[in-house]
Amino acid sequence: MNKTQAQISEILYNLDPMNTGCVENSMLDEYDAEAEGIAHYLEKGHPLKYAIVLVFEYNFWIGCLNDHQIEAIMKEMTSINNEEI
């Protein structure tokens, strides 16, 4: 896992958009697969929202994230330096 993927994973872990209880149970790697997928799509030049929705809907179910959750993830991800993506 590269630095960008680790940063995305940490953001997802802290937000826990799927309410897995990862924070309470210290499951630090809970969102590693999603972070890798999002980073992959960003590296290919896809928009952030597209990458988030595509990965979560593939790994969970269509419509699993609401607009508020997507916006929260996007807001937190602005802290990641675009040069690293």
N, C-alpha and C. Protein backbone atom coordinates (compact mmCIF):
# COMPACT_ATOMS: atom_id res chain seq x y z
N MET A 1 0.85 -1.17 0.00
CA MET A 1 0.00 0.00 0.00
C MET A 1 0.89 1.23 0.00
N ASN A 2 0.63 2.14 -0.94
CA ASN A 2 1.44 3.34 -1.00
C ASN A 2 0.89 4.42 -0.04
N LYS A 3 1.58 5.55 0.01
CA LYS A 3 1.22 6.60 0.97
C LYS A 3 -0.19 7.13 0.73
N THR A 4 -0.55 7.37 -0.53
CA THR A 4 -1.88 7.88 -0.84
C THR A 4 -2.96 6.90 -0.43
N GLN A 5 -2.76 5.63 -0.73
CA GLN A 5 -3.72 4.60 -0.34
C GLN A 5 -3.87 4.56 1.17
N ALA A 6 -2.76 4.67 1.88
CA ALA A 6 -2.80 4.66 3.35
C ALA A 6 -3.57 5.86 3.89
N GLN A 7 -3.38 7.01 3.26
CA GLN A 7 -4.11 8.21 3.69
C GLN A 7 -5.61 8.06 3.45
N ILE A 8 -5.97 7.53 2.30
CA ILE A 8 -7.39 7.31 1.99
C ILE A 8 -7.97 6.29 2.96
N SER A 9 -7.25 5.23 3.22
CA SER A 9 -7.72 4.21 4.16
C SER A 9 -7.96 4.80 5.54
N GLU A 10 -7.06 5.66 5.98
CA GLU A 10 -7.20 6.29 7.30
C GLU A 10 -8.45 7.19 7.34
N ILE A 11 -8.68 7.92 6.27
CA ILE A 11 -9.86 8.78 6.20
C ILE A 11 -11.13 7.92 6.28
N LEU A 12 -11.18 6.86 5.49
CA LEU A 12 -12.34 5.99 5.50
C LEU A 12 -12.52 5.31 6.85
N TYR A 13 -11.43 4.90 7.46
CA TYR A 13 -11.47 4.29 8.79
C TYR A 13 -12.09 5.25 9.79
N ASN A 14 -11.64 6.50 9.79
CA ASN A 14 -12.14 7.48 10.76
C ASN A 14 -13.60 7.84 10.51
N LEU A 15 -14.01 7.90 9.24
CA LEU A 15 -15.40 8.22 8.93
C LEU A 15 -16.31 7.00 9.06
N ASP A 16 -15.76 5.83 8.80
CA ASP A 16 -16.51 4.57 8.83
C ASP A 16 -17.88 4.70 8.16
N PRO A 17 -17.88 5.02 6.86
CA PRO A 17 -19.15 5.27 6.19
C PRO A 17 -20.11 4.08 6.14
N MET A 18 -19.60 2.88 6.27
CA MET A 18 -20.46 1.70 6.24
C MET A 18 -20.82 1.21 7.65
N ASN A 19 -20.44 1.99 8.65
CA ASN A 19 -20.78 1.67 10.04
C ASN A 19 -20.39 0.25 10.43
N THR A 20 -19.16 -0.10 10.14
CA THR A 20 -18.67 -1.45 10.45
C THR A 20 -18.21 -1.59 11.90
N GLY A 21 -18.07 -0.47 12.59
CA GLY A 21 -17.54 -0.51 13.96
C GLY A 21 -16.03 -0.63 13.98
N CYS A 22 -15.39 -0.27 12.88
CA CYS A 22 -13.94 -0.46 12.78
C CYS A 22 -13.17 0.39 13.79
N VAL A 23 -13.65 1.60 14.08
CA VAL A 23 -12.95 2.46 15.03
C VAL A 23 -13.03 1.86 16.43
N GLU A 24 -14.24 1.50 16.82
CA GLU A 24 -14.45 0.93 18.16
C GLU A 24 -13.69 -0.38 18.36
N ASN A 25 -13.50 -1.11 17.28
CA ASN A 25 -12.85 -2.41 17.36
C ASN A 25 -11.42 -2.41 16.83
N SER A 26 -10.87 -1.22 16.58
CA SER A 26 -9.49 -1.04 16.12
C SER A 26 -9.15 -1.88 14.89
N MET A 27 -10.08 -1.95 13.94
CA MET A 27 -9.83 -2.68 12.69
C MET A 27 -9.24 -1.69 11.68
N LEU A 28 -7.96 -1.42 11.84
CA LEU A 28 -7.28 -0.38 11.08
C LEU A 28 -7.28 -0.62 9.58
N ASP A 29 -7.36 -1.86 9.16
CA ASP A 29 -7.30 -2.19 7.73
C ASP A 29 -8.68 -2.38 7.10
N GLU A 30 -9.72 -2.00 7.79
CA GLU A 30 -11.10 -2.24 7.35
C GLU A 30 -11.38 -1.72 5.94
N TYR A 31 -10.83 -0.57 5.60
CA TYR A 31 -11.12 0.06 4.31
C TYR A 31 -9.92 0.07 3.37
N ASP A 32 -8.96 -0.81 3.59
CA ASP A 32 -7.78 -0.87 2.72
C ASP A 32 -8.16 -1.16 1.27
N ALA A 33 -9.04 -2.11 1.05
CA ALA A 33 -9.42 -2.48 -0.33
C ALA A 33 -10.09 -1.30 -1.04
N GLU A 34 -10.96 -0.60 -0.32
CA GLU A 34 -11.63 0.55 -0.91
C GLU A 34 -10.63 1.67 -1.20
N ALA A 35 -9.70 1.87 -0.30
CA ALA A 35 -8.67 2.90 -0.50
C ALA A 35 -7.82 2.59 -1.74
N GLU A 36 -7.45 1.34 -1.91
CA GLU A 36 -6.67 0.95 -3.08
C GLU A 36 -7.47 1.17 -4.36
N GLY A 37 -8.75 0.83 -4.33
CA GLY A 37 -9.59 1.02 -5.51
C GLY A 37 -9.76 2.49 -5.86
N ILE A 38 -10.04 3.31 -4.85
CA ILE A 38 -10.21 4.75 -5.08
C ILE A 38 -8.92 5.34 -5.64
N ALA A 39 -7.80 5.00 -5.04
CA ALA A 39 -6.51 5.52 -5.52
C ALA A 39 -6.26 5.09 -6.97
N HIS A 40 -6.62 3.87 -7.30
CA HIS A 40 -6.44 3.36 -8.67
C HIS A 40 -7.22 4.22 -9.67
N TYR A 41 -8.48 4.48 -9.38
CA TYR A 41 -9.29 5.28 -10.30
C TYR A 41 -8.83 6.72 -10.38
N LEU A 42 -8.36 7.27 -9.26
CA LEU A 42 -7.83 8.63 -9.28
C LEU A 42 -6.57 8.70 -10.13
N GLU A 43 -5.71 7.69 -10.01
CA GLU A 43 -4.48 7.65 -10.81
C GLU A 43 -4.80 7.56 -12.31
N LYS A 44 -5.95 6.97 -12.64
CA LYS A 44 -6.37 6.85 -14.04
C LYS A 44 -7.05 8.12 -14.54
N GLY A 45 -7.20 9.11 -13.64
CA GLY A 45 -7.75 10.39 -14.04
C GLY A 45 -9.25 10.56 -13.82
N HIS A 46 -9.88 9.61 -13.15
CA HIS A 46 -11.31 9.72 -12.89
C HIS A 46 -11.58 10.73 -11.78
N PRO A 47 -12.75 11.39 -11.83
CA PRO A 47 -13.11 12.33 -10.77
C PRO A 47 -13.26 11.62 -9.43
N LEU A 48 -12.99 12.35 -8.35
CA LEU A 48 -13.02 11.78 -7.00
C LEU A 48 -14.38 11.16 -6.67
N LYS A 49 -15.45 11.87 -6.92
CA LYS A 49 -16.78 11.35 -6.58
C LYS A 49 -17.06 10.05 -7.32
N TYR A 50 -16.71 10.01 -8.60
CA TYR A 50 -16.89 8.81 -9.40
C TYR A 50 -16.13 7.64 -8.79
N ALA A 51 -14.88 7.89 -8.42
CA ALA A 51 -14.04 6.82 -7.85
C ALA A 51 -14.63 6.29 -6.56
N ILE A 52 -15.08 7.17 -5.69
CA ILE A 52 -15.66 6.76 -4.40
C ILE A 52 -16.91 5.91 -4.64
N VAL A 53 -17.83 6.44 -5.43
CA VAL A 53 -19.10 5.75 -5.66
C VAL A 53 -18.87 4.41 -6.34
N LEU A 54 -18.04 4.39 -7.37
CA LEU A 54 -17.79 3.15 -8.11
C LEU A 54 -17.23 2.06 -7.19
N VAL A 55 -16.25 2.41 -6.40
CA VAL A 55 -15.61 1.42 -5.52
C VAL A 55 -16.57 0.92 -4.46
N PHE A 56 -17.27 1.81 -3.80
CA PHE A 56 -18.19 1.38 -2.75
C PHE A 56 -19.35 0.58 -3.30
N GLU A 57 -19.88 0.98 -4.45
CA GLU A 57 -20.99 0.23 -5.02
C GLU A 57 -20.54 -1.13 -5.53
N TYR A 58 -19.32 -1.25 -5.95
CA TYR A 58 -18.79 -2.55 -6.36
C TYR A 58 -18.57 -3.44 -5.14
N ASN A 59 -18.00 -2.88 -4.08
CA ASN A 59 -17.65 -3.68 -2.91
C ASN A 59 -18.82 -3.93 -1.97
N PHE A 60 -19.85 -3.09 -2.03
CA PHE A 60 -20.99 -3.24 -1.14
C PHE A 60 -22.27 -3.42 -1.97
N TRP A 61 -23.02 -2.36 -2.20
CA TRP A 61 -24.23 -2.45 -3.02
C TRP A 61 -24.51 -1.08 -3.63
N ILE A 62 -25.30 -1.07 -4.67
CA ILE A 62 -25.65 0.17 -5.35
C ILE A 62 -26.42 1.06 -4.38
N GLY A 63 -25.97 2.30 -4.28
CA GLY A 63 -26.61 3.26 -3.40
C GLY A 63 -26.25 3.13 -1.94
N CYS A 64 -25.16 2.41 -1.66
CA CYS A 64 -24.77 2.18 -0.25
C CYS A 64 -24.35 3.45 0.47
N LEU A 65 -23.87 4.45 -0.26
CA LEU A 65 -23.49 5.72 0.34
C LEU A 65 -24.50 6.79 -0.05
N ASN A 66 -24.90 7.59 0.94
CA ASN A 66 -25.78 8.72 0.61
C ASN A 66 -24.92 9.93 0.26
N ASP A 67 -25.57 10.99 -0.20
CA ASP A 67 -24.84 12.18 -0.63
C ASP A 67 -24.01 12.79 0.50
N HIS A 68 -24.55 12.78 1.71
CA HIS A 68 -23.83 13.32 2.87
C HIS A 68 -22.53 12.55 3.12
N GLN A 69 -22.59 11.23 3.04
CA GLN A 69 -21.40 10.41 3.25
C GLN A 69 -20.37 10.65 2.15
N ILE A 70 -20.82 10.74 0.92
CA ILE A 70 -19.91 10.99 -0.20
C ILE A 70 -19.23 12.34 -0.02
N GLU A 71 -20.00 13.35 0.31
CA GLU A 71 -19.45 14.70 0.51
C GLU A 71 -18.45 14.72 1.67
N ALA A 72 -18.74 13.99 2.74
CA ALA A 72 -17.82 13.94 3.89
C ALA A 72 -16.49 13.31 3.50
N ILE A 73 -16.55 12.24 2.73
CA ILE A 73 -15.32 11.58 2.26
C ILE A 73 -14.54 12.54 1.36
N MET A 74 -15.24 13.17 0.44
CA MET A 74 -14.58 14.10 -0.48
C MET A 74 -13.94 15.26 0.27
N LYS A 75 -14.63 15.80 1.26
CA LYS A 75 -14.09 16.91 2.05
C LYS A 75 -12.81 16.50 2.76
N GLU A 76 -12.82 15.34 3.38
CA GLU A 76 -11.63 14.87 4.09
C GLU A 76 -10.48 14.58 3.14
N MET A 77 -10.80 14.12 1.95
CA MET A 77 -9.75 13.78 0.99
C MET A 77 -9.08 14.99 0.37
N THR A 78 -9.64 16.18 0.55
CA THR A 78 -8.98 17.37 0.04
C THR A 78 -7.67 17.62 0.78
N SER A 79 -7.49 16.97 1.93
CA SER A 79 -6.26 17.12 2.68
C SER A 79 -5.09 16.37 2.05
N ILE A 80 -5.41 15.46 1.12
CA ILE A 80 -4.37 14.70 0.45
C ILE A 80 -3.82 15.54 -0.69
N ASN A 81 -2.54 15.64 -0.76
CA ASN A 81 -1.87 16.43 -1.80
C ASN A 81 -2.16 15.80 -3.16
N ASN A 82 -2.75 16.57 -4.06
CA ASN A 82 -3.09 16.05 -5.40
C ASN A 82 -1.88 15.53 -6.16
N GLU A 83 -0.71 15.99 -5.84
CA GLU A 83 0.48 15.51 -6.54
C GLU A 83 0.77 14.06 -6.21
N GLU A 84 0.26 13.58 -5.07
CA GLU A 84 0.50 12.19 -4.68
C GLU A 84 -0.46 11.24 -5.35
N ILE A 85 -1.56 11.77 -5.89
CA ILE A 85 -2.57 10.90 -6.49
C ILE A 85 -2.26 10.69 -7.95
